[in-house]
N, C-alpha and C. Protein backbone atom coordinates (compact mmCIF):
# COMPACT_ATOMS: atom_id res chain seq x y z
N UNK A 1 23.76 7.54 35.83
CA UNK A 1 22.29 7.25 35.73
C UNK A 1 21.67 8.48 34.89
N UNK A 2 22.26 9.62 35.38
CA UNK A 2 21.28 10.76 34.35
C UNK A 2 21.10 10.50 32.79
N UNK A 3 22.65 10.12 32.53
CA UNK A 3 23.05 9.69 31.26
C UNK A 3 21.65 8.87 30.97
N UNK A 4 21.43 7.78 31.76
CA UNK A 4 20.59 6.50 30.83
C UNK A 4 19.38 7.54 30.75
N UNK A 5 18.99 8.17 31.57
CA UNK A 5 17.22 8.86 32.00
C UNK A 5 17.00 9.92 30.57
N UNK A 6 18.61 10.55 30.51
CA UNK A 6 18.17 11.28 29.01
C UNK A 6 18.34 10.88 27.57
N UNK A 7 18.96 9.20 27.82
CA UNK A 7 18.76 8.45 26.51
C UNK A 7 17.19 8.27 26.63
N UNK A 8 16.33 7.46 27.84
CA UNK A 8 14.97 6.81 27.43
C UNK A 8 14.27 8.23 27.15
N UNK A 9 14.51 9.27 27.89
CA UNK A 9 13.33 10.78 27.33
C UNK A 9 13.63 10.97 26.21
N UNK A 10 14.89 10.67 25.23
CA UNK A 10 14.94 11.27 23.89
C UNK A 10 13.92 10.10 23.09
N UNK A 11 14.05 9.01 23.49
CA UNK A 11 13.55 7.49 22.94
C UNK A 11 12.04 7.85 22.81
N UNK A 12 11.39 8.37 23.72
CA UNK A 12 10.07 8.32 23.95
C UNK A 12 9.69 9.61 23.41
N UNK A 13 10.27 10.50 23.67
CA UNK A 13 10.56 11.46 22.44
C UNK A 13 9.85 11.38 21.13
N UNK A 14 11.01 10.98 20.44
CA UNK A 14 10.51 9.66 19.16
C UNK A 14 9.73 9.34 18.85
N UNK A 15 9.62 8.41 19.94
CA UNK A 15 8.44 7.53 19.93
C UNK A 15 6.95 8.34 19.58
N UNK A 16 6.77 9.47 20.54
CA UNK A 16 5.39 10.53 20.79
C UNK A 16 5.11 11.30 18.94
N UNK A 17 6.74 11.40 18.50
CA UNK A 17 6.55 12.56 17.03
C UNK A 17 6.20 11.41 16.48
N UNK A 18 6.57 10.06 16.26
CA UNK A 18 5.91 9.39 15.00
C UNK A 18 4.79 8.81 15.33
N UNK A 19 4.18 8.43 16.50
CA UNK A 19 2.88 8.01 16.44
C UNK A 19 1.91 9.46 16.03
N UNK A 20 2.04 10.55 16.89
CA UNK A 20 1.33 11.46 16.17
C UNK A 20 1.39 11.81 15.01
N UNK A 21 2.61 11.91 13.86
CA UNK A 21 2.57 11.91 12.88
C UNK A 21 2.02 11.15 12.02
N UNK A 22 2.10 9.89 12.36
CA UNK A 22 1.00 8.67 11.80
C UNK A 22 -0.52 9.22 11.94
N UNK A 23 -0.85 9.91 12.81
CA UNK A 23 -2.18 10.14 13.19
C UNK A 23 -2.78 11.43 11.98
N UNK A 24 -1.80 12.16 12.11
CA UNK A 24 -2.01 13.29 11.11
C UNK A 24 -2.57 13.17 10.25
N UNK A 25 -2.67 11.90 9.02
CA UNK A 25 -2.52 11.77 7.69
C UNK A 25 -4.10 12.48 7.40
N UNK A 26 -3.87 13.43 6.41
CA UNK A 26 -4.85 14.10 5.71
C UNK A 26 -6.31 13.18 5.56
N UNK A 27 -5.60 12.37 4.93
CA UNK A 27 -6.45 11.42 4.13
C UNK A 27 -6.15 9.90 4.50
N UNK A 28 -7.01 9.30 5.11
CA UNK A 28 -6.83 8.04 5.52
C UNK A 28 -6.52 6.69 4.54
N UNK A 29 -5.68 6.01 5.03
CA UNK A 29 -5.17 4.90 3.68
C UNK A 29 -6.35 4.17 3.14
N UNK A 30 -6.02 3.83 2.11
CA UNK A 30 -7.20 2.86 1.48
C UNK A 30 -6.39 1.69 1.39
N UNK A 31 -7.36 0.76 1.08
CA UNK A 31 -7.09 -0.72 0.66
C UNK A 31 -7.19 -0.83 -1.12
N UNK A 32 -7.26 0.18 -1.80
CA UNK A 32 -7.50 -0.20 -3.58
C UNK A 32 -6.13 -0.96 -3.52
N UNK A 33 -6.27 -1.42 -4.48
CA UNK A 33 -5.42 -2.37 -4.91
C UNK A 33 -4.90 -2.24 -6.62
N UNK A 34 -3.49 -1.84 -6.94
CA UNK A 34 -3.30 -1.65 -8.33
C UNK A 34 -2.84 -2.52 -9.16
N UNK A 35 -3.12 -3.34 -10.39
CA UNK A 35 -2.46 -3.92 -10.74
C UNK A 35 -1.68 -3.31 -11.95
N UNK A 36 -0.22 -3.48 -11.96
CA UNK A 36 0.84 -2.00 -12.43
C UNK A 36 1.48 -3.19 -13.61
N UNK A 37 1.94 -2.85 -14.73
CA UNK A 37 3.42 -3.55 -15.39
C UNK A 37 4.51 -3.27 -14.08
N UNK A 38 5.15 -4.60 -14.17
CA UNK A 38 6.43 -4.83 -13.30
C UNK A 38 7.73 -5.46 -14.11
N UNK A 39 8.15 -5.06 -14.36
CA UNK A 39 9.84 -6.09 -14.73
C UNK A 39 8.82 -6.57 -16.08
N UNK A 40 9.09 -7.92 -16.27
CA UNK A 40 8.50 -8.50 -17.16
C UNK A 40 7.17 -9.36 -17.14
N UNK A 41 6.63 -8.56 -16.35
CA UNK A 41 5.11 -9.29 -15.96
C UNK A 41 4.51 -8.27 -15.29
N UNK A 42 3.57 -8.49 -14.43
CA UNK A 42 2.78 -8.12 -13.61
C UNK A 42 2.92 -8.07 -12.02
N UNK A 43 2.28 -6.57 -11.43
CA UNK A 43 2.60 -6.99 -10.16
C UNK A 43 1.10 -5.96 -9.34
N UNK A 44 1.08 -6.42 -8.32
CA UNK A 44 -0.52 -5.81 -7.32
C UNK A 44 0.32 -5.17 -6.32
N UNK A 45 -0.34 -3.89 -6.15
CA UNK A 45 0.17 -2.85 -5.16
C UNK A 45 -0.81 -2.25 -4.73
N UNK A 46 -0.86 -1.90 -3.45
CA UNK A 46 -1.92 -1.36 -2.41
C UNK A 46 -1.54 0.32 -3.03
N UNK A 47 -2.46 0.51 -2.48
CA UNK A 47 -2.47 2.08 -3.50
C UNK A 47 -1.91 2.60 -1.84
N UNK A 48 -0.19 3.65 -2.54
CA UNK A 48 -0.14 4.57 -1.55
C UNK A 48 1.32 3.47 -0.94
N UNK A 49 1.46 2.26 -1.27
CA UNK A 49 3.09 1.68 -1.11
C UNK A 49 3.73 1.64 -2.29
N UNK A 50 4.95 1.79 -1.54
CA UNK A 50 6.18 1.74 -2.48
C UNK A 50 6.39 0.16 -3.35
N UNK A 51 6.10 -0.82 -2.11
CA UNK A 51 6.27 -2.30 -2.33
C UNK A 51 5.35 -2.64 -2.95
N UNK A 52 5.39 -3.92 -3.74
CA UNK A 52 4.75 -4.94 -4.27
C UNK A 52 3.63 -5.58 -3.32
N UNK A 53 2.91 -6.48 -3.44
CA UNK A 53 2.43 -7.04 -2.94
C UNK A 53 2.66 -8.73 -3.41
N UNK A 54 3.07 -8.53 -4.70
CA UNK A 54 2.75 -9.55 -5.39
C UNK A 54 3.57 -9.55 -6.57
N UNK A 55 4.10 -10.54 -7.02
CA UNK A 55 4.33 -10.28 -8.96
C UNK A 55 4.13 -11.47 -9.42
N UNK A 56 3.98 -11.16 -11.07
CA UNK A 56 3.02 -12.69 -11.83
C UNK A 56 3.54 -11.89 -12.98
N UNK A 57 3.18 -13.55 -13.87
CA UNK A 57 3.91 -13.62 -15.50
C UNK A 57 2.86 -12.64 -16.08
N UNK A 58 1.49 -13.19 -15.71
CA UNK A 58 0.63 -12.18 -16.40
C UNK A 58 -0.54 -12.22 -15.70
N UNK A 59 -1.01 -10.56 -16.62
CA UNK A 59 -2.23 -9.77 -15.83
C UNK A 59 -3.15 -10.27 -15.63
N UNK A 60 -3.79 -11.49 -16.25
CA UNK A 60 -4.92 -12.15 -15.56
C UNK A 60 -4.81 -12.55 -14.04
N UNK A 61 -3.49 -13.10 -13.93
CA UNK A 61 -3.31 -13.67 -12.71
C UNK A 61 -3.15 -12.87 -11.28
N UNK A 62 -2.84 -11.45 -11.82
CA UNK A 62 -2.89 -10.71 -10.87
C UNK A 62 -3.98 -9.93 -10.46
N UNK A 63 -4.93 -9.92 -11.33
CA UNK A 63 -6.30 -9.21 -11.55
C UNK A 63 -6.66 -9.79 -10.69
N UNK A 64 -7.23 -11.19 -10.68
CA UNK A 64 -7.54 -12.31 -9.43
C UNK A 64 -6.96 -12.14 -8.27
N UNK A 65 -5.91 -11.94 -8.19
CA UNK A 65 -4.99 -11.54 -7.03
C UNK A 65 -5.59 -10.48 -6.09
N UNK A 66 -5.64 -8.86 -6.95
CA UNK A 66 -5.81 -7.79 -6.71
C UNK A 66 -7.50 -8.18 -6.23
N UNK A 67 -8.36 -8.81 -7.20
CA UNK A 67 -9.65 -8.56 -6.64
C UNK A 67 -9.68 -9.58 -5.21
N UNK A 68 -8.93 -10.44 -5.51
CA UNK A 68 -9.46 -11.39 -3.93
C UNK A 68 -8.92 -10.38 -2.59
N UNK A 69 -8.06 -9.88 -2.87
CA UNK A 69 -7.71 -8.70 -1.90
C UNK A 69 -8.49 -8.03 -1.41
N UNK A 70 -8.97 -7.02 -2.38
CA UNK A 70 -10.22 -5.89 -2.38
C UNK A 70 -11.21 -6.07 -2.15
N UNK A 71 -12.05 -7.33 -2.40
CA UNK A 71 -13.01 -8.04 -2.12
C UNK A 71 -13.13 -8.12 -0.56
N UNK A 72 -11.54 -8.34 0.08
CA UNK A 72 -11.82 -8.63 1.45
C UNK A 72 -12.10 -7.64 1.97
N UNK A 73 -11.66 -6.25 1.51
CA UNK A 73 -11.10 -5.03 2.33
C UNK A 73 -12.36 -4.21 1.75
N UNK A 74 -13.17 -4.34 1.03
CA UNK A 74 -14.30 -3.95 0.44
C UNK A 74 -13.45 -2.34 -0.38
N UNK A 75 -12.78 -2.83 -1.38
CA UNK A 75 -12.14 -1.67 -1.64
C UNK A 75 -12.41 -1.99 -3.24
N UNK A 76 -11.28 -0.93 -4.04
CA UNK A 76 -11.15 -1.06 -5.45
C UNK A 76 -10.27 -1.81 -5.80
N UNK A 77 -10.14 -2.23 -7.43
CA UNK A 77 -9.02 -3.04 -8.43
C UNK A 77 -9.20 -2.33 -9.34
N UNK A 78 -7.67 -1.30 -9.18
CA UNK A 78 -7.38 -0.77 -10.62
C UNK A 78 -6.44 -1.09 -11.35
N UNK A 79 -6.77 -0.97 -12.83
CA UNK A 79 -5.92 -1.92 -13.57
C UNK A 79 -5.41 -1.10 -14.33
N UNK A 80 -3.93 -1.30 -14.53
CA UNK A 80 -3.14 -0.34 -15.58
C UNK A 80 -2.62 -0.99 -17.00
N UNK A 81 -2.68 -0.40 -17.76
CA UNK A 81 -2.22 -0.89 -19.10
C UNK A 81 -0.76 -1.07 -19.04
N UNK A 82 -0.27 -1.52 -20.39
CA UNK A 82 1.36 -1.54 -19.99
C UNK A 82 2.03 -0.53 -19.43
N UNK A 83 1.72 0.53 -20.50
CA UNK A 83 2.27 2.14 -20.60
C UNK A 83 1.89 3.03 -19.23
N UNK A 84 0.98 2.11 -17.62
CA UNK A 84 0.76 3.11 -17.04
C UNK A 84 -0.76 3.30 -16.66
N UNK A 85 -1.09 4.02 -18.07
CA UNK A 85 -2.51 4.55 -17.62
C UNK A 85 -3.64 3.58 -17.21
N UNK A 86 -4.54 4.07 -16.83
CA UNK A 86 -5.63 3.35 -16.34
C UNK A 86 -6.85 2.38 -17.41
N UNK A 87 -7.00 1.16 -17.35
CA UNK A 87 -7.85 0.89 -17.74
C UNK A 87 -9.27 0.10 -17.70
N UNK A 88 -8.91 0.08 -16.55
CA UNK A 88 -10.40 -0.43 -15.79
C UNK A 88 -10.07 -0.23 -14.68
N UNK A 89 -11.28 0.06 -13.47
CA UNK A 89 -11.79 0.40 -12.34
C UNK A 89 -12.47 -0.96 -11.94
N UNK A 90 -12.49 -1.61 -10.87
CA UNK A 90 -13.22 -2.37 -10.56
C UNK A 90 -13.80 -2.32 -9.00
N UNK A 91 -15.21 -1.92 -8.45
CA UNK A 91 -15.66 -1.63 -7.44
C UNK A 91 -15.89 -2.65 -6.35
N UNK A 92 -15.33 -3.19 -5.27
CA UNK A 92 -16.04 -4.03 -4.43
C UNK A 92 -16.93 -3.40 -3.09
N UNK A 93 -17.02 -2.14 -2.62
CA UNK A 93 -17.43 -1.79 -1.91
C UNK A 93 -18.85 -1.76 -1.72
């Protein structure tokens, strides 16, 4: 039984560390949406995320999707060029 308690204690300690580290962000996460080049098309990606939200064949379609999300969250849409530089920014705050 002592083994079971030590396992549970370790698990609780891990959960506590993960919870506290998620609260310690110096900058809060934003809902800004980036329209970025992706493979043979375009993608929408939330700022700070590695995973994409959606992928599209046309940049215009990706921009519409990003605007829909940003409007709901009162965030910005950052539109990138094919080379990755920023082309435009649209604010919905």
